[in-house]
Amino acid sequence: MRRREFIALLGGTAVSWPCTARAQQPTPPVIGLLSGTGRNLRQLDDIRQGLNTSGYVEGRNVSIEYRVAEGQFDRLASLAADLVSRQVKLILTIQGAAAALAAKAASSTIPIVFSIGGDPVKFGLVTSMNHPGGNATGTTFLVNTLGAKRLEVLHELVPRAKSIGLLTNPQNPASSVETSDVQAAARTLGLQV
């Protein structure tokens, strides 16, 4: 082999080697993020920080597909189905039970991690708090269960009020649970909601 042929072969190998190495890199996992309301930047920063702590950096070794319903809860089913069709490895739901319920309806195999304010057992997301079962797990702050307590405090502050207004979004599955809790507390206190 002549010197020029050797250099050409070496140069060709040097050029094609990074392409081959890149082709052998595994495709980074894709996380689907589903939100019923809007993008909460603080919450997204916290999610990214948690991923970074575990060694995952968005855009480098993990991708995130964002699907946001902007309060139009009827869109959640199609947004969740889109994430399932993209074969995401995990669906992370934020800002309400509606997104978690849509994800659970869309897939029984893709892991779902939720963060909600209500009782995940009442919503049917998990079978129990200690043993979630199925493909969904997450955190709850049980703030929706505070509706009755809020009504009691309001009654103490304004004891002569007999009728109380409750603003809610009827398309949000969490609103029916909170409304029934508030109505039960109102009956006990002799109030009308």
C-alpha atoms as a PDB file:
ATOM      1  CA  MET A   1       0.000   0.000   0.000  1.00  0.00           C
ATOM      2  CA  ARG A   2       1.384   3.369  -0.959  1.00  0.00           C
ATOM      3  CA  ARG A   3       1.695   6.231   1.416  1.00  0.00           C
ATOM      4  CA  ARG A   4      -1.037   8.337  -0.286  1.00  0.00           C
ATOM      5  CA  GLU A   5      -3.465   5.414  -0.273  1.00  0.00           C
ATOM      6  CA  PHE A   6      -2.749   4.838   3.411  1.00  0.00           C
ATOM      7  CA  ILE A   7      -3.368   8.519   4.267  1.00  0.00           C
ATOM      8  CA  ALA A   8      -6.618   8.534   2.249  1.00  0.00           C
ATOM      9  CA  LEU A   9      -7.780   5.381   4.037  1.00  0.00           C
ATOM     10  CA  LEU A  10      -6.848   6.825   7.430  1.00  0.00           C
ATOM     11  CA  GLY A  11      -8.587  10.132   6.598  1.00  0.00           C
ATOM     12  CA  GLY A  12     -11.748   8.343   5.441  1.00  0.00           C
ATOM     13  CA  THR A  13     -11.791   6.273   8.610  1.00  0.00           C
ATOM     14  CA  ALA A  14     -11.304   9.371  10.757  1.00  0.00           C
ATOM     15  CA  VAL A  15     -14.239  11.108   9.050  1.00  0.00           C
ATOM     16  CA  SER A  16     -16.604   8.128   9.191  1.00  0.00           C
ATOM     17  CA  TRP A  17     -15.706   7.024  12.735  1.00  0.00           C
ATOM     18  CA  PRO A  18     -17.583   9.833  14.581  1.00  0.00           C
ATOM     19  CA  CYS A  19     -20.644   9.179  12.407  1.00  0.00           C
ATOM     20  CA  THR A  20     -20.521   5.497  13.293  1.00  0.00           C
ATOM     21  CA  ALA A  21     -20.000   6.287  16.971  1.00  0.00           C
ATOM     22  CA  ARG A  22     -22.920   8.731  16.898  1.00  0.00           C
ATOM     23  CA  ALA A  23     -25.134   6.165  15.186  1.00  0.00           C
ATOM     24  CA  GLN A  24     -24.448   3.715  17.998  1.00  0.00           C
ATOM     25  CA  GLN A  25     -25.558   6.171  20.680  1.00  0.00           C
ATOM     26  CA  PRO A  26     -28.860   5.083  22.227  1.00  0.00           C
ATOM     27  CA  THR A  27     -31.839   7.346  21.631  1.00  0.00           C
ATOM     28  CA  PRO A  28     -32.487   9.368  24.788  1.00  0.00           C
ATOM     29  CA  PRO A  29     -35.702   8.490  26.641  1.00  0.00           C
ATOM     30  CA  VAL A  30     -38.681  10.763  26.064  1.00  0.00           C
ATOM     31  CA  ILE A  31     -40.836  11.976  28.946  1.00  0.00           C
ATOM     32  CA  GLY A  32     -44.314  13.221  28.171  1.00  0.00           C
ATOM     33  CA  LEU A  33     -45.411  16.134  30.319  1.00  0.00           C
ATOM     34  CA  LEU A  34     -49.180  16.670  30.397  1.00  0.00           C
ATOM     35  CA  SER A  35     -50.798  19.693  32.034  1.00  0.00           C
ATOM     36  CA  GLY A  36     -54.460  20.566  32.310  1.00  0.00           C
ATOM     37  CA  THR A  37     -53.946  24.273  32.766  1.00  0.00           C
ATOM     38  CA  GLY A  38     -50.783  26.047  31.652  1.00  0.00           C
ATOM     39  CA  ARG A  39     -47.075  25.848  31.929  1.00  0.00           C
ATOM     40  CA  ASN A  40     -45.973  26.721  35.453  1.00  0.00           C
ATOM     41  CA  LEU A  41     -42.360  27.780  34.948  1.00  0.00           C
ATOM     42  CA  ARG A  42     -41.393  27.314  38.596  1.00  0.00           C
ATOM     43  CA  GLN A  43     -42.722  23.771  38.576  1.00  0.00           C
ATOM     44  CA  LEU A  44     -40.919  23.008  35.301  1.00  0.00           C
ATOM     45  CA  ASP A  45     -37.667  24.330  36.753  1.00  0.00           C
ATOM     46  CA  ASP A  46     -38.134  22.035  39.754  1.00  0.00           C
ATOM     47  CA  ILE A  47     -38.764  19.067  37.451  1.00  0.00           C
ATOM     48  CA  ARG A  48     -35.649  19.819  35.426  1.00  0.00           C
ATOM     49  CA  GLN A  49     -33.604  20.218  38.614  1.00  0.00           C
ATOM     50  CA  GLY A  50     -34.837  16.841  39.876  1.00  0.00           C
ATOM     51  CA  LEU A  51     -33.938  15.226  36.560  1.00  0.00           C
ATOM     52  CA  ASN A  52     -30.498  16.867  36.668  1.00  0.00           C
ATOM     53  CA  THR A  53     -29.936  15.484  40.166  1.00  0.00           C
ATOM     54  CA  SER A  54     -30.591  12.024  38.738  1.00  0.00           C
ATOM     55  CA  GLY A  55     -28.171  12.635  35.879  1.00  0.00           C
ATOM     56  CA  TYR A  56     -30.714  13.547  33.189  1.00  0.00           C
ATOM     57  CA  VAL A  57     -30.310  16.804  31.296  1.00  0.00           C
ATOM     58  CA  GLU A  58     -33.079  17.887  28.959  1.00  0.00           C
ATOM     59  CA  GLY A  59     -31.806  18.053  25.410  1.00  0.00           C
ATOM     60  CA  ARG A  60     -28.718  15.991  26.180  1.00  0.00           C
ATOM     61  CA  ASN A  61     -29.758  12.575  27.501  1.00  0.00           C
ATOM     62  CA  VAL A  62     -33.518  13.004  27.962  1.00  0.00           C
ATOM     63  CA  SER A  63     -36.228  14.733  25.929  1.00  0.00           C
ATOM     64  CA  ILE A  64     -39.489  16.173  27.195  1.00  0.00           C
ATOM     65  CA  GLU A  65     -42.608  16.404  25.020  1.00  0.00           C
ATOM     66  CA  TYR A  66     -44.900  19.119  26.401  1.00  0.00           C
ATOM     67  CA  ARG A  67     -48.689  18.923  26.021  1.00  0.00           C
ATOM     68  CA  VAL A  68     -50.712  21.719  27.648  1.00  0.00           C
ATOM     69  CA  ALA A  69     -54.524  21.981  27.574  1.00  0.00           C
ATOM     70  CA  GLU A  70     -54.645  25.626  28.771  1.00  0.00           C
ATOM     71  CA  GLY A  71     -57.755  24.902  30.862  1.00  0.00           C
ATOM     72  CA  GLN A  72     -59.607  23.185  28.000  1.00  0.00           C
ATOM     73  CA  PHE A  73     -59.979  19.854  29.773  1.00  0.00           C
ATOM     74  CA  ASP A  74     -61.794  18.269  26.830  1.00  0.00           C
ATOM     75  CA  ARG A  75     -58.470  18.390  24.932  1.00  0.00           C
ATOM     76  CA  LEU A  76     -56.623  16.269  27.495  1.00  0.00           C
ATOM     77  CA  ALA A  77     -57.714  12.902  26.067  1.00  0.00           C
ATOM     78  CA  SER A  78     -56.266  13.688  22.638  1.00  0.00           C
ATOM     79  CA  LEU A  79     -53.107  15.206  24.132  1.00  0.00           C
ATOM     80  CA  ALA A  80     -52.557  12.087  26.257  1.00  0.00           C
ATOM     81  CA  ALA A  81     -53.234   9.834  23.251  1.00  0.00           C
ATOM     82  CA  ASP A  82     -50.642  11.792  21.281  1.00  0.00           C
ATOM     83  CA  LEU A  83     -48.024  11.173  23.981  1.00  0.00           C
ATOM     84  CA  VAL A  84     -48.875   7.463  23.984  1.00  0.00           C
ATOM     85  CA  SER A  85     -48.543   7.316  20.186  1.00  0.00           C
ATOM     86  CA  ARG A  86     -45.093   8.888  20.489  1.00  0.00           C
ATOM     87  CA  GLN A  87     -44.140   5.976  22.762  1.00  0.00           C
ATOM     88  CA  VAL A  88     -42.915   8.106  25.650  1.00  0.00           C
ATOM     89  CA  LYS A  89     -41.239   6.193  28.475  1.00  0.00           C
ATOM     90  CA  LEU A  90     -43.091   8.093  31.219  1.00  0.00           C
ATOM     91  CA  ILE A  91     -46.030  10.483  31.443  1.00  0.00           C
ATOM     92  CA  LEU A  92     -45.652  13.186  34.060  1.00  0.00           C
ATOM     93  CA  THR A  93     -48.859  15.075  34.841  1.00  0.00           C
ATOM     94  CA  ILE A  94     -48.992  18.404  36.631  1.00  0.00           C
ATOM     95  CA  GLN A  95     -51.586  20.945  37.696  1.00  0.00           C
ATOM     96  CA  GLY A  96     -54.622  18.859  38.435  1.00  0.00           C
ATOM     97  CA  ALA A  97     -56.245  15.476  38.437  1.00  0.00           C
ATOM     98  CA  ALA A  98     -57.777  15.944  34.982  1.00  0.00           C
ATOM     99  CA  ALA A  99     -54.411  15.422  33.281  1.00  0.00           C
ATOM    100  CA  ALA A 100     -53.655  12.344  35.384  1.00  0.00           C
ATOM    101  CA  LEU A 101     -57.072  10.857  34.608  1.00  0.00           C
ATOM    102  CA  ALA A 102     -56.573  11.447  30.870  1.00  0.00           C
ATOM    103  CA  ALA A 103     -53.138   9.802  30.976  1.00  0.00           C
ATOM    104  CA  LYS A 104     -54.499   6.819  32.895  1.00  0.00           C
ATOM    105  CA  ALA A 105     -57.331   6.422  30.371  1.00  0.00           C
ATOM    106  CA  ALA A 106     -54.838   6.590  27.490  1.00  0.00           C
ATOM    107  CA  SER A 107     -52.438   3.912  28.744  1.00  0.00           C
ATOM    108  CA  SER A 108     -52.373   1.068  31.218  1.00  0.00           C
ATOM    109  CA  THR A 109     -48.697   0.273  30.600  1.00  0.00           C
ATOM    110  CA  ILE A 110     -46.749   3.542  30.427  1.00  0.00           C
ATOM    111  CA  PRO A 111     -45.759   4.676  33.936  1.00  0.00           C
ATOM    112  CA  ILE A 112     -47.663   7.786  35.046  1.00  0.00           C
ATOM    113  CA  VAL A 113     -46.399  10.097  37.772  1.00  0.00           C
ATOM    114  CA  PHE A 114     -48.928  12.669  38.967  1.00  0.00           C
ATOM    115  CA  SER A 115     -48.955  15.649  41.288  1.00  0.00           C
ATOM    116  CA  ILE A 116     -52.493  16.582  42.342  1.00  0.00           C
ATOM    117  CA  GLY A 117     -54.323  18.437  45.053  1.00  0.00           C
ATOM    118  CA  GLY A 118     -57.092  15.891  45.622  1.00  0.00           C
ATOM    119  CA  ASP A 119     -57.447  12.328  46.822  1.00  0.00           C
ATOM    120  CA  PRO A 120     -56.071   9.965  44.136  1.00  0.00           C
ATOM    121  CA  VAL A 121     -58.143   7.079  45.537  1.00  0.00           C
ATOM    122  CA  LYS A 122     -61.408   9.042  45.140  1.00  0.00           C
ATOM    123  CA  PHE A 123     -60.425   9.917  41.565  1.00  0.00           C
ATOM    124  CA  GLY A 124     -59.665   6.277  40.764  1.00  0.00           C
ATOM    125  CA  LEU A 125     -56.022   6.948  39.928  1.00  0.00           C
ATOM    126  CA  VAL A 126     -54.746   4.442  42.501  1.00  0.00           C
ATOM    127  CA  THR A 127     -56.318   1.631  44.496  1.00  0.00           C
ATOM    128  CA  SER A 128     -54.909   2.841  47.825  1.00  0.00           C
ATOM    129  CA  MET A 129     -52.413   5.349  49.159  1.00  0.00           C
ATOM    130  CA  ASN A 130     -50.084   2.623  50.484  1.00  0.00           C
ATOM    131  CA  HIS A 131     -50.304   0.328  47.456  1.00  0.00           C
ATOM    132  CA  PRO A 132     -51.144   2.369  44.349  1.00  0.00           C
ATOM    133  CA  GLY A 133     -51.230  -0.625  41.987  1.00  0.00           C
ATOM    134  CA  GLY A 134     -51.431  -0.237  38.221  1.00  0.00           C
ATOM    135  CA  ASN A 135     -49.196   2.146  36.319  1.00  0.00           C
ATOM    136  CA  ALA A 136     -49.910   5.397  38.211  1.00  0.00           C
ATOM    137  CA  THR A 137     -48.261   6.836  41.287  1.00  0.00           C
ATOM    138  CA  GLY A 138     -47.487  10.299  42.543  1.00  0.00           C
ATOM    139  CA  THR A 139     -47.959  12.915  45.180  1.00  0.00           C
ATOM    140  CA  THR A 140     -51.024  14.604  46.575  1.00  0.00           C
ATOM    141  CA  PHE A 141     -51.338  17.674  48.700  1.00  0.00           C
ATOM    142  CA  LEU A 142     -54.997  16.951  49.567  1.00  0.00           C
ATOM    143  CA  VAL A 143     -55.829  20.658  49.211  1.00  0.00           C
ATOM    144  CA  ASN A 144     -59.174  19.830  47.583  1.00  0.00           C
ATOM    145  CA  THR A 145     -60.193  18.197  50.848  1.00  0.00           C
ATOM    146  CA  LEU A 146     -59.835  21.586  52.531  1.00  0.00           C
ATOM    147  CA  GLY A 147     -62.979  23.025  50.920  1.00  0.00           C
ATOM    148  CA  ALA A 148     -65.126  22.102  53.910  1.00  0.00           C
ATOM    149  CA  LYS A 149     -62.581  23.584  56.310  1.00  0.00           C
ATOM    150  CA  ARG A 150     -62.423  26.805  54.291  1.00  0.00           C
ATOM    151  CA  LEU A 151     -66.204  27.075  54.530  1.00  0.00           C
ATOM    152  CA  GLU A 152     -66.056  26.618  58.314  1.00  0.00           C
ATOM    153  CA  VAL A 153     -63.460  29.389  58.630  1.00  0.00           C
ATOM    154  CA  LEU A 154     -65.519  31.666  56.390  1.00  0.00           C
ATOM    155  CA  HIS A 155     -68.578  30.975  58.552  1.00  0.00           C
ATOM    156  CA  GLU A 156     -66.596  31.936  61.668  1.00  0.00           C
ATOM    157  CA  LEU A 157     -65.448  35.156  60.005  1.00  0.00           C
ATOM    158  CA  VAL A 158     -68.904  36.100  58.688  1.00  0.00           C
ATOM    159  CA  PRO A 159     -71.361  34.252  60.966  1.00  0.00           C
ATOM    160  CA  ARG A 160     -74.457  36.121  59.691  1.00  0.00           C
ATOM    161  CA  ALA A 161     -73.919  35.060  56.065  1.00  0.00           C
ATOM    162  CA  LYS A 162     -76.454  32.407  55.073  1.00  0.00           C
ATOM    163  CA  SER A 163     -75.575  32.016  51.398  1.00  0.00           C
ATOM    164  CA  ILE A 164     -72.041  31.407  50.130  1.00  0.00           C
ATOM    165  CA  GLY A 165     -70.848  31.479  46.501  1.00  0.00           C
ATOM    166  CA  LEU A 166     -68.511  28.812  45.192  1.00  0.00           C
ATOM    167  CA  LEU A 167     -66.604  29.380  41.947  1.00  0.00           C
ATOM    168  CA  THR A 168     -65.483  26.259  40.145  1.00  0.00           C
ATOM    169  CA  ASN A 169     -64.754  24.911  36.681  1.00  0.00           C
ATOM    170  CA  PRO A 170     -67.336  22.171  36.025  1.00  0.00           C
ATOM    171  CA  GLN A 171     -65.109  20.620  33.324  1.00  0.00           C
ATOM    172  CA  ASN A 172     -62.424  19.912  35.918  1.00  0.00           C
ATOM    173  CA  PRO A 173     -63.002  16.476  37.533  1.00  0.00           C
ATOM    174  CA  ALA A 174     -61.650  17.814  40.820  1.00  0.00           C
ATOM    175  CA  SER A 175     -64.437  20.370  41.045  1.00  0.00           C
ATOM    176  CA  SER A 176     -67.187  17.784  41.571  1.00  0.00           C
ATOM    177  CA  VAL A 177     -65.399  16.266  44.565  1.00  0.00           C
ATOM    178  CA  GLU A 178     -64.651  19.645  46.114  1.00  0.00           C
ATOM    179  CA  THR A 179     -68.195  20.883  45.445  1.00  0.00           C
ATOM    180  CA  SER A 180     -69.778  17.876  47.139  1.00  0.00           C
ATOM    181  CA  ASP A 181     -67.460  18.281  50.158  1.00  0.00           C
ATOM    182  CA  VAL A 182     -68.369  21.976  50.456  1.00  0.00           C
ATOM    183  CA  GLN A 183     -72.100  21.250  50.062  1.00  0.00           C
ATOM    184  CA  ALA A 184     -71.969  18.606  52.807  1.00  0.00           C
ATOM    185  CA  ALA A 185     -70.211  21.058  55.139  1.00  0.00           C
ATOM    186  CA  ALA A 186     -72.747  23.774  54.250  1.00  0.00           C
ATOM    187  CA  ARG A 187     -75.660  21.506  55.222  1.00  0.00           C
ATOM    188  CA  THR A 188     -73.983  20.816  58.574  1.00  0.00           C
ATOM    189  CA  LEU A 189     -73.548  24.571  59.171  1.00  0.00           C
ATOM    190  CA  GLY A 190     -77.042  25.475  57.918  1.00  0.00           C
ATOM    191  CA  LEU A 191     -75.666  27.417  54.954  1.00  0.00           C
ATOM    192  CA  GLN A 192     -76.661  27.506  51.308  1.00  0.00           C
ATOM    193  CA  VAL A 193     -74.017  27.230  48.585  1.00  0.00           C
END
